[in-house]
Amino acid sequence: MTAAADYSDVLGPDYQEAYRTPDPECPPAWLPDSPLVLGLLANAEITAIELAPEGSNYTFVAQLDGGTAGQWLGIYKPRRGEIPLRDFPDGTLYKREYAAYVVSAALGWNFVPPTVIREGQHGVGTMQLFVASVRTENYFSFRKTRVDDLQRMALFDALANNADRKGSHCLLGLDDRMWGIDHGLTFHHVPKLRTVIWDYQGTPIPPPLLADLDALLIDLTRNGDAAQALAPLLHPVELEALAQRCRALLTERTYPLPGPYRSVPWPPL
């Protein structure tokens, strides 16, 4: 599923008007850069949930009531709703979703919407901020105009070993920011990079992005804030593989080339 879907028909009358207009008004406390948003995602009352109509795993749209901070929506992915996969350990996809947010924030790139782990109606899982987006836009429509954003996302996918970067996992927000969603298939220790963003293969990584990688590697090797946040989310072997991929990117200083196996997810959109 994608956070760009229209959920007006399933979320009740209080939300219908907002999601039939092109620019739903988000309460200030619920904005992505708000210092309150993580606390709201973690603690706001979940007043209703509805199963999203798409997705291989059970994904719910949640109505969140933050009291005086107002109401907004979250994307709730419970551990209990994960379909077992033969190549990822059972019950870990929600942790990988949160780990992607941790790494994006640690790099200062902040294109993964604010995400927390919390209890919900179906048990523990991630709650990610719903980002209102332009429903007709995705990677294939803005690949030529959002180069800086996509270079960051392509580098993130190489670092996180993202096995499922579809075109619809790249959103253009109504705030004109580019967002990346659906990061459950990440951080495996075996190479699994599958993405539609091969535009930069073999080209030099921009120096500012290399500097961000260098800072992250220092954090990972010195048990900094990001390393401590990732420790309960990933297996030690996966954490070491993350550091190794970071070192390799800093050594090569170029975007990786497609591997010998399938390197594009299906379907690509």
Protein backbone atom coordinates (compact mmCIF):
# COMPACT_ATOMS: atom_id res chain seq x y z
CA MET A 1 0.00 0.00 0.00
CA THR A 2 1.05 3.58 -0.34
CA ALA A 3 0.35 6.53 1.86
CA ALA A 4 -0.91 8.37 -1.19
CA ALA A 5 -4.14 6.40 -1.27
CA ASP A 6 -7.51 8.13 -0.75
CA TYR A 7 -8.91 6.96 2.58
CA SER A 8 -11.84 9.37 2.78
CA ASP A 9 -14.46 6.64 2.37
CA VAL A 10 -13.17 4.51 5.24
CA LEU A 11 -12.27 7.10 7.88
CA GLY A 12 -15.64 8.63 8.74
CA PRO A 13 -17.23 12.04 8.28
CA ASP A 14 -14.73 14.00 10.38
CA TYR A 15 -12.00 13.23 7.84
CA GLN A 16 -13.92 13.06 4.60
CA GLU A 17 -13.98 16.77 3.86
CA ALA A 18 -10.24 17.15 4.36
CA TYR A 19 -9.37 14.26 2.07
CA ARG A 20 -11.65 15.40 -0.73
CA THR A 21 -9.77 18.68 -0.98
CA PRO A 22 -6.34 19.01 -2.62
CA ASP A 23 -4.67 20.37 0.54
CA PRO A 24 -5.79 18.79 3.81
CA GLU A 25 -4.83 21.05 6.68
CA CYS A 26 -2.54 19.31 9.13
CA PRO A 27 -2.57 20.59 12.73
CA PRO A 28 0.83 22.21 13.49
CA ALA A 29 1.74 19.68 16.18
CA TRP A 30 1.33 16.88 13.64
CA LEU A 31 3.64 18.35 11.00
CA PRO A 32 6.64 16.13 10.18
CA ASP A 33 9.18 18.57 11.65
CA SER A 34 7.20 19.27 14.81
CA PRO A 35 9.08 18.44 18.04
CA LEU A 36 5.81 16.95 19.31
CA VAL A 37 5.04 14.58 16.47
CA LEU A 38 6.93 11.50 17.70
CA GLY A 39 5.30 11.76 21.10
CA LEU A 40 1.90 12.12 19.48
CA LEU A 41 2.44 9.08 17.26
CA ALA A 42 3.51 7.07 20.30
CA ASN A 43 0.83 8.20 22.73
CA ALA A 44 -2.19 9.63 20.91
CA GLU A 45 -5.37 7.65 21.33
CA ILE A 46 -6.14 5.39 18.39
CA THR A 47 -9.84 6.08 17.97
CA ALA A 48 -10.39 3.90 14.89
CA ILE A 49 -8.47 1.80 12.40
CA GLU A 50 -9.39 0.55 8.95
CA LEU A 51 -7.61 -2.06 6.88
CA ALA A 52 -5.91 -0.43 3.90
CA PRO A 53 -7.14 -1.87 0.60
CA GLU A 54 -3.69 -2.69 -0.79
CA GLY A 55 -0.53 -4.36 0.43
CA SER A 56 0.89 -7.84 0.95
CA ASN A 57 1.01 -7.36 4.73
CA TYR A 58 -1.82 -6.14 6.93
CA THR A 59 -1.62 -2.35 7.02
CA PHE A 60 -4.13 -0.11 8.75
CA VAL A 61 -5.00 3.56 8.51
CA ALA A 62 -5.43 4.85 12.06
CA GLN A 63 -7.31 7.86 13.35
CA LEU A 64 -5.18 9.44 16.06
CA ASP A 65 -6.53 11.85 18.65
CA GLY A 66 -3.89 14.02 20.27
CA GLY A 67 -6.32 15.97 22.44
CA THR A 68 -5.48 19.67 22.36
CA ALA A 69 -2.85 18.92 19.66
CA GLY A 70 -5.62 17.90 17.28
CA GLN A 71 -6.29 14.82 15.19
CA TRP A 72 -4.42 13.28 12.30
CA LEU A 73 -3.76 9.95 10.62
CA GLY A 74 -1.12 7.29 11.03
CA ILE A 75 -0.15 4.19 9.08
CA TYR A 76 -0.17 1.25 11.52
CA LYS A 77 1.73 -1.91 10.58
CA PRO A 78 1.43 -4.54 13.32
CA ARG A 79 3.88 -7.37 13.71
CA ARG A 80 0.95 -9.74 13.82
CA GLY A 81 -0.03 -8.74 10.28
CA GLU A 82 3.31 -9.58 8.64
CA ILE A 83 3.18 -12.36 6.06
CA PRO A 84 6.09 -14.80 6.65
CA LEU A 85 8.88 -14.57 4.09
CA ARG A 86 11.48 -17.19 3.32
CA ASP A 87 14.38 -14.73 3.27
CA PHE A 88 13.57 -12.37 6.18
CA PRO A 89 13.18 -13.49 9.80
CA ASP A 90 9.57 -13.68 10.93
CA GLY A 91 8.21 -10.79 12.93
CA THR A 92 10.99 -8.32 12.10
CA LEU A 93 9.57 -6.17 9.31
CA TYR A 94 8.11 -3.56 11.66
CA LYS A 95 11.51 -3.19 13.32
CA ARG A 96 13.09 -2.64 9.90
CA GLU A 97 10.51 0.04 9.12
CA TYR A 98 11.52 1.88 12.27
CA ALA A 99 15.24 1.29 11.64
CA ALA A 100 14.85 3.01 8.26
CA TYR A 101 13.46 6.06 10.01
CA VAL A 102 16.33 6.01 12.51
CA VAL A 103 18.99 5.87 9.79
CA SER A 104 17.31 8.53 7.62
CA ALA A 105 17.13 10.86 10.61
CA ALA A 106 20.71 10.10 11.70
CA LEU A 107 21.94 11.03 8.22
CA GLY A 108 19.98 14.27 8.37
CA TRP A 109 18.08 13.33 5.22
CA ASN A 110 14.67 13.00 6.91
CA PHE A 111 12.71 11.63 3.99
CA VAL A 112 11.18 8.74 5.94
CA PRO A 113 8.06 10.08 7.68
CA PRO A 114 8.24 10.17 11.49
CA THR A 115 7.81 6.63 12.79
CA VAL A 116 7.51 4.99 16.21
CA ILE A 117 6.96 1.52 17.62
CA ARG A 118 3.88 1.25 19.79
CA GLU A 119 0.98 -0.95 20.80
CA GLY A 120 -2.21 -0.82 18.79
CA GLN A 121 -5.43 -2.76 18.37
CA HIS A 122 -3.51 -5.66 16.81
CA GLY A 123 -0.47 -5.57 19.07
CA VAL A 124 2.96 -4.05 18.69
CA GLY A 125 3.95 -2.51 15.38
CA THR A 126 5.00 0.72 13.72
CA MET A 127 2.92 3.85 13.56
CA GLN A 128 4.09 6.17 10.80
CA LEU A 129 2.83 9.68 10.18
CA PHE A 130 0.45 9.86 7.24
CA VAL A 131 1.92 12.26 4.67
CA ALA A 132 -0.60 13.92 2.37
CA SER A 133 0.80 13.60 -1.15
CA VAL A 134 0.04 14.30 -4.78
CA ARG A 135 -1.67 11.09 -5.79
CA THR A 136 -0.65 11.30 -9.44
CA GLU A 137 3.08 11.66 -8.69
CA ASN A 138 5.72 8.99 -8.11
CA TYR A 139 9.35 8.28 -9.01
CA PHE A 140 8.59 7.83 -12.71
CA SER A 141 6.93 11.23 -12.99
CA PHE A 142 9.59 13.28 -11.16
CA ARG A 143 12.81 11.37 -11.77
CA LYS A 144 14.16 14.19 -13.98
CA THR A 145 13.16 17.07 -11.73
CA ARG A 146 14.01 15.85 -8.19
CA VAL A 147 17.59 14.73 -8.77
CA ASP A 148 19.01 15.86 -5.42
CA ASP A 149 16.23 14.10 -3.50
CA LEU A 150 16.54 10.92 -5.54
CA GLN A 151 20.32 10.83 -5.18
CA ARG A 152 19.84 10.77 -1.41
CA MET A 153 17.19 8.08 -1.66
CA ALA A 154 19.28 5.93 -4.01
CA LEU A 155 22.23 6.16 -1.65
CA PHE A 156 20.02 5.34 1.32
CA ASP A 157 18.71 2.25 -0.48
CA ALA A 158 22.25 1.06 -1.17
CA LEU A 159 23.19 1.64 2.45
CA ALA A 160 20.04 0.00 3.86
CA ASN A 161 20.12 -2.83 1.30
CA ASN A 162 16.53 -2.05 0.33
CA ALA A 163 14.98 -5.02 -1.44
CA ASP A 164 11.77 -3.25 -2.46
CA ARG A 165 12.10 0.34 -3.72
CA LYS A 166 9.13 0.57 -6.06
CA GLY A 167 8.22 3.75 -7.89
CA SER A 168 5.11 4.21 -5.74
CA HIS A 169 7.28 4.16 -2.61
CA CYS A 170 8.51 7.64 -3.61
CA LEU A 171 5.90 10.27 -2.77
CA LEU A 172 5.70 13.95 -3.58
CA GLY A 173 4.12 15.56 -0.56
CA LEU A 174 1.72 18.46 -0.70
CA ASP A 175 4.50 20.25 1.21
CA ASP A 176 6.66 19.78 -1.94
CA ARG A 177 9.00 17.42 -0.09
CA MET A 178 9.86 14.00 -1.41
CA TRP A 179 9.11 11.14 0.96
CA GLY A 180 10.06 7.47 0.98
CA ILE A 181 7.80 4.82 2.47
CA ASP A 182 7.52 1.01 2.85
CA HIS A 183 10.93 0.02 4.25
CA GLY A 184 10.11 -3.37 5.74
CA LEU A 185 12.49 -5.26 3.41
CA THR A 186 15.71 -3.58 4.46
CA PHE A 187 18.95 -4.20 6.37
CA HIS A 188 19.39 -7.87 5.45
CA HIS A 189 23.01 -8.97 5.75
CA VAL A 190 22.88 -10.70 2.34
CA PRO A 191 22.97 -8.34 -0.69
CA LYS A 192 19.39 -7.83 -1.87
CA LEU A 193 19.28 -4.34 -3.39
CA ARG A 194 16.21 -4.12 -5.65
CA THR A 195 15.16 -0.66 -6.73
CA VAL A 196 13.83 1.30 -9.68
CA ILE A 197 16.34 4.11 -8.98
CA TRP A 198 19.34 3.07 -11.06
CA ASP A 199 19.71 6.50 -12.68
CA TYR A 200 23.02 7.18 -10.91
CA GLN A 201 24.74 3.80 -11.15
CA GLY A 202 28.51 4.17 -11.44
CA THR A 203 28.43 7.96 -11.01
CA PRO A 204 30.22 9.83 -8.20
CA ILE A 205 28.39 10.26 -4.92
CA PRO A 206 28.05 14.00 -4.15
CA PRO A 207 30.58 15.09 -1.50
CA PRO A 208 27.94 16.36 0.99
CA LEU A 209 26.33 12.91 0.99
CA LEU A 210 29.71 11.26 1.56
CA ALA A 211 30.19 13.54 4.55
CA ASP A 212 26.84 12.38 5.93
CA LEU A 213 27.86 8.74 5.46
CA ASP A 214 31.16 9.38 7.22
CA ALA A 215 29.37 10.87 10.23
CA LEU A 216 27.04 7.87 10.37
CA LEU A 217 29.93 5.42 10.21
CA ILE A 218 31.60 7.17 13.15
CA ASP A 219 28.36 6.83 15.10
CA LEU A 220 28.02 3.13 14.23
CA THR A 221 31.61 2.28 15.15
CA ARG A 222 31.60 4.31 18.40
CA ASN A 223 28.21 3.13 19.67
CA GLY A 224 26.66 6.55 19.20
CA ASP A 225 23.01 7.51 19.33
CA ALA A 226 22.06 5.85 16.05
CA ALA A 227 23.93 2.65 16.92
CA GLN A 228 22.17 2.44 20.27
CA ALA A 229 18.78 3.05 18.67
CA LEU A 230 19.42 0.34 16.06
CA ALA A 231 20.74 -2.29 18.48
CA PRO A 232 17.31 -3.60 19.59
CA LEU A 233 15.99 -3.48 16.02
CA LEU A 234 18.56 -5.41 13.98
CA HIS A 235 20.61 -8.57 14.51
CA PRO A 236 24.29 -7.89 15.32
CA VAL A 237 25.24 -9.48 11.99
CA GLU A 238 22.92 -7.03 10.21
CA LEU A 239 24.39 -4.09 12.12
CA GLU A 240 27.89 -5.12 11.10
CA ALA A 241 26.74 -5.52 7.48
CA LEU A 242 25.29 -2.00 7.63
CA ALA A 243 28.65 -0.62 8.77
CA GLN A 244 30.44 -2.61 6.06
CA ARG A 245 28.16 -1.21 3.35
CA CYS A 246 28.79 2.29 4.69
CA ARG A 247 32.57 1.72 4.53
CA ALA A 248 32.32 0.32 1.00
CA LEU A 249 30.35 3.32 -0.25
CA LEU A 250 32.88 5.68 1.32
CA THR A 251 35.73 3.73 -0.27
CA GLU A 252 34.21 3.41 -3.75
CA ARG A 253 32.67 6.91 -3.68
CA THR A 254 30.32 5.94 -6.51
CA TYR A 255 26.77 4.64 -6.70
CA PRO A 256 26.65 0.84 -6.97
CA LEU A 257 25.95 -1.05 -10.16
CA PRO A 258 23.13 -3.61 -10.45
CA GLY A 259 24.12 -7.04 -9.22
CA PRO A 260 24.01 -10.32 -11.14
CA TYR A 261 20.53 -11.21 -9.85
CA ARG A 262 17.19 -9.46 -10.17
CA SER A 263 17.83 -5.82 -9.30
CA VAL A 264 14.40 -4.26 -9.91
CA PRO A 265 11.34 -5.09 -7.76
CA TRP A 266 8.18 -6.44 -9.30
CA PRO A 267 5.90 -4.78 -9.97
CA PRO A 268 8.10 -1.70 -10.44
CA LEU A 269 5.26 0.63 -9.50
